[in-house]
PDB file of N, CA and C in Angstrom:
ATOM      1  N   MET A   1    -136.097 158.189  37.872  1.00  0.00           N
ATOM      2  CA  MET A   1    -137.453 158.296  36.927  1.00  0.00           C
ATOM      3  C   MET A   1    -137.027 157.325  35.356  1.00  0.00           C
ATOM      4  N   GLU A   2    -135.850 157.124  35.475  1.00  0.00           N
ATOM      5  CA  GLU A   2    -135.751 156.133  34.197  1.00  0.00           C
ATOM      6  C   GLU A   2    -136.160 154.761  34.505  1.00  0.00           C
ATOM      7  N   ASP A   3    -136.152 154.222  35.721  1.00  0.00           N
ATOM      8  CA  ASP A   3    -136.701 152.989  35.968  1.00  0.00           C
ATOM      9  C   ASP A   3    -138.189 153.035  35.998  1.00  0.00           C
ATOM     10  N   ASP A   4    -139.040 154.272  36.265  1.00  0.00           N
ATOM     11  CA  ASP A   4    -139.924 154.135  36.214  1.00  0.00           C
ATOM     12  C   ASP A   4    -140.427 154.323  34.766  1.00  0.00           C
ATOM     13  N   ILE A   5    -139.730 154.796  34.257  1.00  0.00           N
ATOM     14  CA  ILE A   5    -140.343 155.088  32.497  1.00  0.00           C
ATOM     15  C   ILE A   5    -140.084 153.636  32.165  1.00  0.00           C
ATOM     16  N   LYS A   6    -139.033 152.823  32.604  1.00  0.00           N
ATOM     17  CA  LYS A   6    -138.937 151.735  31.760  1.00  0.00           C
ATOM     18  C   LYS A   6    -139.876 150.500  32.478  1.00  0.00           C
ATOM     19  N   ALA A   7    -140.480 150.661  33.585  1.00  0.00           N
ATOM     20  CA  ALA A   7    -141.369 149.884  34.308  1.00  0.00           C
ATOM     21  C   ALA A   7    -142.517 150.260  33.305  1.00  0.00           C
ATOM     22  N   LEU A   8    -142.937 151.434  33.099  1.00  0.00           N
ATOM     23  CA  LEU A   8    -144.155 151.802  32.200  1.00  0.00           C
ATOM     24  C   LEU A   8    -144.286 151.280  30.824  1.00  0.00           C
ATOM     25  N   SER A   9    -143.020 151.396  30.246  1.00  0.00           N
ATOM     26  CA  SER A   9    -142.770 150.943  28.622  1.00  0.00           C
ATOM     27  C   SER A   9    -143.116 149.498  28.601  1.00  0.00           C
ATOM     28  N   ASN A  10    -143.376 148.808  29.766  1.00  0.00           N
ATOM     29  CA  ASN A  10    -143.714 147.521  29.903  1.00  0.00           C
ATOM     30  C   ASN A  10    -145.364 147.181  29.601  1.00  0.00           C
ATOM     31  N   HIS A  11    -145.979 148.283  29.504  1.00  0.00           N
ATOM     32  CA  HIS A  11    -147.784 148.050  29.475  1.00  0.00           C
ATOM     33  C   HIS A  11    -147.969 149.300  27.943  1.00  0.00           C
ATOM     34  N   GLU A  12    -149.041 148.338  27.523  1.00  0.00           N
ATOM     35  CA  GLU A  12    -148.910 148.784  26.221  1.00  0.00           C
ATOM     36  C   GLU A  12    -150.188 149.802  26.417  1.00  0.00           C
ATOM     37  N   THR A  13    -150.579 150.064  27.472  1.00  0.00           N
ATOM     38  CA  THR A  13    -151.950 151.354  27.600  1.00  0.00           C
ATOM     39  C   THR A  13    -150.623 152.484  27.790  1.00  0.00           C
ATOM     40  N   PHE A  14    -149.341 152.347  28.343  1.00  0.00           N
ATOM     41  CA  PHE A  14    -148.247 153.519  28.407  1.00  0.00           C
ATOM     42  C   PHE A  14    -148.038 154.024  26.920  1.00  0.00           C
ATOM     43  N   ALA A  15    -147.705 153.031  26.249  1.00  0.00           N
ATOM     44  CA  ALA A  15    -147.450 152.885  24.724  1.00  0.00           C
ATOM     45  C   ALA A  15    -148.712 154.062  23.960  1.00  0.00           C
ATOM     46  N   ARG A  16    -149.759 153.581  24.196  1.00  0.00           N
ATOM     47  CA  ARG A  16    -151.079 153.756  23.492  1.00  0.00           C
ATOM     48  C   ARG A  16    -151.508 155.407  24.223  1.00  0.00           C
ATOM     49  N   PHE A  17    -150.719 155.877  25.289  1.00  0.00           N
ATOM     50  CA  PHE A  17    -151.237 157.188  25.811  1.00  0.00           C
ATOM     51  C   PHE A  17    -149.722 158.127  25.371  1.00  0.00           C
ATOM     52  N   ILE A  18    -148.719 157.110  24.738  1.00  0.00           N
ATOM     53  CA  ILE A  18    -147.476 158.236  24.289  1.00  0.00           C
ATOM     54  C   ILE A  18    -147.955 158.811  22.910  1.00  0.00           C
ATOM     55  N   GLN A  19    -148.667 157.282  22.204  1.00  0.00           N
ATOM     56  CA  GLN A  19    -149.012 157.940  20.927  1.00  0.00           C
ATOM     57  C   GLN A  19    -149.890 158.918  20.548  1.00  0.00           C
ATOM     58  N   SER A  20    -150.593 159.070  21.766  1.00  0.00           N
ATOM     59  CA  SER A  20    -151.614 160.091  21.952  1.00  0.00           C
ATOM     60  C   SER A  20    -150.928 161.485  21.867  1.00  0.00           C
ATOM     61  N   ILE A  21    -149.606 161.743  22.923  1.00  0.00           N
ATOM     62  CA  ILE A  21    -148.844 162.927  22.568  1.00  0.00           C
ATOM     63  C   ILE A  21    -148.700 163.050  21.341  1.00  0.00           C
ATOM     64  N   GLU A  22    -147.542 161.893  20.390  1.00  0.00           N
ATOM     65  CA  GLU A  22    -147.133 162.074  19.085  1.00  0.00           C
ATOM     66  C   GLU A  22    -148.302 162.738  18.150  1.00  0.00           C
ATOM     67  N   ALA A  23    -149.598 162.102  18.460  1.00  0.00           N
ATOM     68  CA  ALA A  23    -150.859 162.486  17.966  1.00  0.00           C
ATOM     69  C   ALA A  23    -151.088 163.998  17.652  1.00  0.00           C
ATOM     70  N   ALA A  24    -150.694 164.563  19.383  1.00  0.00           N
ATOM     71  CA  ALA A  24    -151.015 166.071  19.466  1.00  0.00           C
ATOM     72  C   ALA A  24    -150.301 166.907  19.093  1.00  0.00           C
ATOM     73  N   ARG A  25    -148.972 166.453  18.694  1.00  0.00           N
ATOM     74  CA  ARG A  25    -147.668 166.938  18.108  1.00  0.00           C
ATOM     75  C   ARG A  25    -147.839 167.044  16.903  1.00  0.00           C
ATOM     76  N   GLU A  26    -148.475 166.485  16.329  1.00  0.00           N
ATOM     77  CA  GLU A  26    -148.401 166.314  14.575  1.00  0.00           C
ATOM     78  C   GLU A  26    -149.803 167.392  14.764  1.00  0.00           C
ATOM     79  N   GLU A  27    -150.806 167.474  15.613  1.00  0.00           N
ATOM     80  CA  GLU A  27    -151.935 168.063  15.374  1.00  0.00           C
ATOM     81  C   GLU A  27    -151.289 169.591  15.169  1.00  0.00           C
ATOM     82  N   ALA A  28    -150.781 169.905  16.489  1.00  0.00           N
ATOM     83  CA  ALA A  28    -149.928 171.209  16.656  1.00  0.00           C
ATOM     84  C   ALA A  28    -148.971 171.719  15.133  1.00  0.00           C
ATOM     85  N   ILE A  29    -148.511 170.841  14.950  1.00  0.00           N
ATOM     86  CA  ILE A  29    -147.357 171.256  13.578  1.00  0.00           C
ATOM     87  C   ILE A  29    -148.376 171.535  12.786  1.00  0.00           C
ATOM     88  N   GLY A  30    -149.211 170.873  12.232  1.00  0.00           N
ATOM     89  CA  GLY A  30    -150.350 171.181  11.126  1.00  0.00           C
ATOM     90  C   GLY A  30    -151.121 172.314  11.616  1.00  0.00           C
ATOM     91  N   ASP A  31    -151.285 172.863  12.563  1.00  0.00           N
ATOM     92  CA  ASP A  31    -152.024 174.314  13.243  1.00  0.00           C
ATOM     93  C   ASP A  31    -151.297 175.321  12.704  1.00  0.00           C
ATOM     94  N   ILE A  32    -150.184 175.079  12.807  1.00  0.00           N
ATOM     95  CA  ILE A  32    -148.893 176.599  12.560  1.00  0.00           C
ATOM     96  C   ILE A  32    -149.383 177.036  11.292  1.00  0.00           C
ATOM     97  N   GLY A  33    -149.790 176.583  10.278  1.00  0.00           N
ATOM     98  CA  GLY A  33    -150.088 177.287   8.841  1.00  0.00           C
ATOM     99  C   GLY A  33    -151.355 178.306   8.904  1.00  0.00           C
ATOM    100  N   ALA A  34    -151.993 178.116   9.737  1.00  0.00           N
ATOM    101  CA  ALA A  34    -152.828 178.713   9.754  1.00  0.00           C
ATOM    102  C   ALA A  34    -153.196 179.911  11.135  1.00  0.00           C
ATOM    103  N   ALA A  35    -151.725 179.834  11.761  1.00  0.00           N
ATOM    104  CA  ALA A  35    -151.690 180.467  12.981  1.00  0.00           C
ATOM    105  C   ALA A  35    -151.271 181.757  12.685  1.00  0.00           C
ATOM    106  N   SER A  36    -151.647 182.510  13.702  1.00  0.00           N
ATOM    107  CA  SER A  36    -151.116 184.069  13.688  1.00  0.00           C
ATOM    108  C   SER A  36    -149.566 183.611  14.595  1.00  0.00           C
ATOM    109  N   THR A  37    -148.773 185.075  14.574  1.00  0.00           N
ATOM    110  CA  THR A  37    -147.338 185.093  14.852  1.00  0.00           C
ATOM    111  C   THR A  37    -147.629 184.635  16.686  1.00  0.00           C
ATOM    112  N   GLU A  38    -148.481 185.540  17.538  1.00  0.00           N
ATOM    113  CA  GLU A  38    -148.696 185.082  18.621  1.00  0.00           C
ATOM    114  C   GLU A  38    -149.136 183.011  18.928  1.00  0.00           C
ATOM    115  N   GLN A  39    -149.748 182.835  17.844  1.00  0.00           N
ATOM    116  CA  GLN A  39    -150.232 181.570  18.056  1.00  0.00           C
ATOM    117  C   GLN A  39    -149.161 180.371  17.786  1.00  0.00           C
ATOM    118  N   ILE A  40    -148.321 180.906  16.838  1.00  0.00           N
ATOM    119  CA  ILE A  40    -147.099 180.252  16.282  1.00  0.00           C
ATOM    120  C   ILE A  40    -146.006 180.372  17.401  1.00  0.00           C
ATOM    121  N   GLN A  41    -146.160 180.928  18.458  1.00  0.00           N
ATOM    122  CA  GLN A  41    -144.936 180.847  19.492  1.00  0.00           C
ATOM    123  C   GLN A  41    -146.000 179.791  20.450  1.00  0.00           C
ATOM    124  N   GLN A  42    -147.029 180.093  20.856  1.00  0.00           N
ATOM    125  CA  GLN A  42    -147.856 178.890  21.659  1.00  0.00           C
ATOM    126  C   GLN A  42    -147.783 177.548  21.045  1.00  0.00           C
ATOM    127  N   LEU A  43    -147.912 177.514  19.968  1.00  0.00           N
ATOM    128  CA  LEU A  43    -147.524 176.009  19.012  1.00  0.00           C
ATOM    129  C   LEU A  43    -146.329 175.499  19.113  1.00  0.00           C
ATOM    130  N   ALA A  44    -145.273 176.467  19.040  1.00  0.00           N
ATOM    131  CA  ALA A  44    -143.997 175.809  18.965  1.00  0.00           C
ATOM    132  C   ALA A  44    -143.675 175.497  20.613  1.00  0.00           C
ATOM    133  N   GLY A  45    -143.907 176.187  21.354  1.00  0.00           N
ATOM    134  CA  GLY A  45    -143.612 175.980  22.867  1.00  0.00           C
ATOM    135  C   GLY A  45    -144.502 174.262  23.216  1.00  0.00           C
ATOM    136  N   ARG A  46    -145.905 174.043  22.813  1.00  0.00           N
ATOM    137  CA  ARG A  46    -146.264 172.908  22.971  1.00  0.00           C
ATOM    138  C   ARG A  46    -145.198 172.160  22.077  1.00  0.00           C
ATOM    139  N   ILE A  47    -144.990 171.716  20.674  1.00  0.00           N
ATOM    140  CA  ILE A  47    -144.359 171.255  19.906  1.00  0.00           C
ATOM    141  C   ILE A  47    -143.296 170.621  20.742  1.00  0.00           C
ATOM    142  N   VAL A  48    -142.454 171.720  21.356  1.00  0.00           N
ATOM    143  CA  VAL A  48    -141.121 171.715  22.192  1.00  0.00           C
ATOM    144  C   VAL A  48    -141.688 170.469  23.278  1.00  0.00           C
ATOM    145  N   ALA A  49    -142.408 170.903  23.989  1.00  0.00           N
ATOM    146  CA  ALA A  49    -143.070 170.272  25.242  1.00  0.00           C
ATOM    147  C   ALA A  49    -143.088 168.375  24.618  1.00  0.00           C
ATOM    148  N   TYR A  50    -144.261 168.629  23.732  1.00  0.00           N
ATOM    149  CA  TYR A  50    -144.435 167.263  23.476  1.00  0.00           C
ATOM    150  C   TYR A  50    -143.034 166.338  22.634  1.00  0.00           C
ATOM    151  N   ASP A  51    -142.595 167.031  21.997  1.00  0.00           N
ATOM    152  CA  ASP A  51    -140.779 166.044  22.029  1.00  0.00           C
ATOM    153  C   ASP A  51    -140.046 165.897  22.659  1.00  0.00           C
ATOM    154  N   ASP A  52    -140.085 166.965  24.000  1.00  0.00           N
ATOM    155  CA  ASP A  52    -138.959 166.171  24.992  1.00  0.00           C
ATOM    156  C   ASP A  52    -139.841 164.970  25.713  1.00  0.00           C
ATOM    157  N   ILE A  53    -141.066 164.866  25.829  1.00  0.00           N
ATOM    158  CA  ILE A  53    -141.709 163.909  26.492  1.00  0.00           C
ATOM    159  C   ILE A  53    -141.548 162.603  25.474  1.00  0.00           C
ATOM    160  N   LEU A  54    -141.704 162.794  24.370  1.00  0.00           N
ATOM    161  CA  LEU A  54    -140.958 161.928  23.258  1.00  0.00           C
ATOM    162  C   LEU A  54    -140.039 160.995  23.345  1.00  0.00           C
ATOM    163  N   LYS A  55    -139.004 161.997  23.550  1.00  0.00           N
ATOM    164  CA  LYS A  55    -137.887 161.694  23.623  1.00  0.00           C
ATOM    165  C   LYS A  55    -137.058 160.939  25.074  1.00  0.00           C
ATOM    166  N   MET A  56    -137.894 161.243  25.866  1.00  0.00           N
ATOM    167  CA  MET A  56    -137.959 161.099  27.461  1.00  0.00           C
ATOM    168  C   MET A  56    -138.058 159.496  27.350  1.00  0.00           C
ATOM    169  N   VAL A  57    -139.257 159.335  26.781  1.00  0.00           N
ATOM    170  CA  VAL A  57    -139.728 157.675  27.218  1.00  0.00           C
ATOM    171  C   VAL A  57    -139.055 157.074  25.693  1.00  0.00           C
ATOM    172  N   ASN A  58    -138.053 157.526  25.028  1.00  0.00           N
ATOM    173  CA  ASN A  58    -137.937 156.728  23.961  1.00  0.00           C
ATOM    174  C   ASN A  58    -138.835 156.204  22.558  1.00  0.00           C
ATOM    175  N   TRP A  59    -139.542 156.961  22.446  1.00  0.00           N
ATOM    176  CA  TRP A  59    -140.483 156.732  21.774  1.00  0.00           C
ATOM    177  C   TRP A  59    -140.583 155.916  20.464  1.00  0.00           C
ATOM    178  N   GLU A  60    -139.410 155.885  19.928  1.00  0.00           N
ATOM    179  CA  GLU A  60    -139.075 154.948  18.509  1.00  0.00           C
ATOM    180  C   GLU A  60    -139.231 153.538  19.145  1.00  0.00           C
ATOM    181  N   ALA A  61    -138.227 153.474  20.238  1.00  0.00           N
ATOM    182  CA  ALA A  61    -137.940 152.082  20.758  1.00  0.00           C
ATOM    183  C   ALA A  61    -139.182 151.683  21.513  1.00  0.00           C
ATOM    184  N   LEU A  62    -139.978 152.270  21.921  1.00  0.00           N
ATOM    185  CA  LEU A  62    -141.720 152.129  22.674  1.00  0.00           C
ATOM    186  C   LEU A  62    -142.745 151.303  21.612  1.00  0.00           C
ATOM    187  N   ARG A  63    -142.422 152.397  20.486  1.00  0.00           N
ATOM    188  CA  ARG A  63    -143.432 151.794  19.442  1.00  0.00           C
ATOM    189  C   ARG A  63    -142.756 150.862  18.793  1.00  0.00           C
ATOM    190  N   MET A  64    -141.809 150.324  18.414  1.00  0.00           N
ATOM    191  CA  MET A  64    -141.370 149.155  18.162  1.00  0.00           C
ATOM    192  C   MET A  64    -141.933 148.088  18.629  1.00  0.00           C
ATOM    193  N   ARG A  65    -141.645 148.077  20.056  1.00  0.00           N
ATOM    194  CA  ARG A  65    -141.752 147.233  21.304  1.00  0.00           C
ATOM    195  C   ARG A  65    -143.369 146.968  21.387  1.00  0.00           C
ATOM    196  N   HIS A  66    -144.221 147.703  20.996  1.00  0.00           N
ATOM    197  CA  HIS A  66    -145.595 147.606  21.160  1.00  0.00           C
ATOM    198  C   HIS A  66    -146.492 147.654  19.525  1.00  0.00           C
ATOM    199  N   GLN A  67    -145.580 147.182  18.752  1.00  0.00           N
ATOM    200  CA  GLN A  67    -146.134 147.778  17.187  1.00  0.00           C
ATOM    201  C   GLN A  67    -147.499 147.210  17.137  1.00  0.00           C
ATOM    202  N   GLU A  68    -147.337 145.708  17.539  1.00  0.00           N
ATOM    203  CA  GLU A  68    -148.866 145.190  17.154  1.00  0.00           C
ATOM    204  C   GLU A  68    -149.867 145.445  17.731  1.00  0.00           C
ATOM    205  N   SER A  69    -150.021 146.441  18.705  1.00  0.00           N
ATOM    206  CA  SER A  69    -151.050 146.421  19.428  1.00  0.00           C
ATOM    207  C   SER A  69    -151.310 148.259  19.200  1.00  0.00           C
ATOM    208  N   LEU A  70    -150.474 148.744  18.622  1.00  0.00           N
ATOM    209  CA  LEU A  70    -150.674 150.257  18.711  1.00  0.00           C
ATOM    210  C   LEU A  70    -151.477 150.583  16.883  1.00  0.00           C
ATOM    211  N   VAL A  71    -152.348 150.980  17.050  1.00  0.00           N
ATOM    212  CA  VAL A  71    -153.074 151.020  15.625  1.00  0.00           C
ATOM    213  C   VAL A  71    -152.954 152.671  14.989  1.00  0.00           C
TER     214      VAL A  71
END
């Protein structure tokens, strides 16, 4: 899977897709303030999943690599 991620990392469309995952993570974090206890648990699970994806693809390096094409 590492080789696949490395190959995908060459494409700015992949970087934009991962950027949308980061945006979804930030939105979920923002939703926590108005959430019930049950909703907080669901949001926390989503945030952890988003974090796992961002770590798996090394989002920081990917963002730097495609910084000119990411808005």
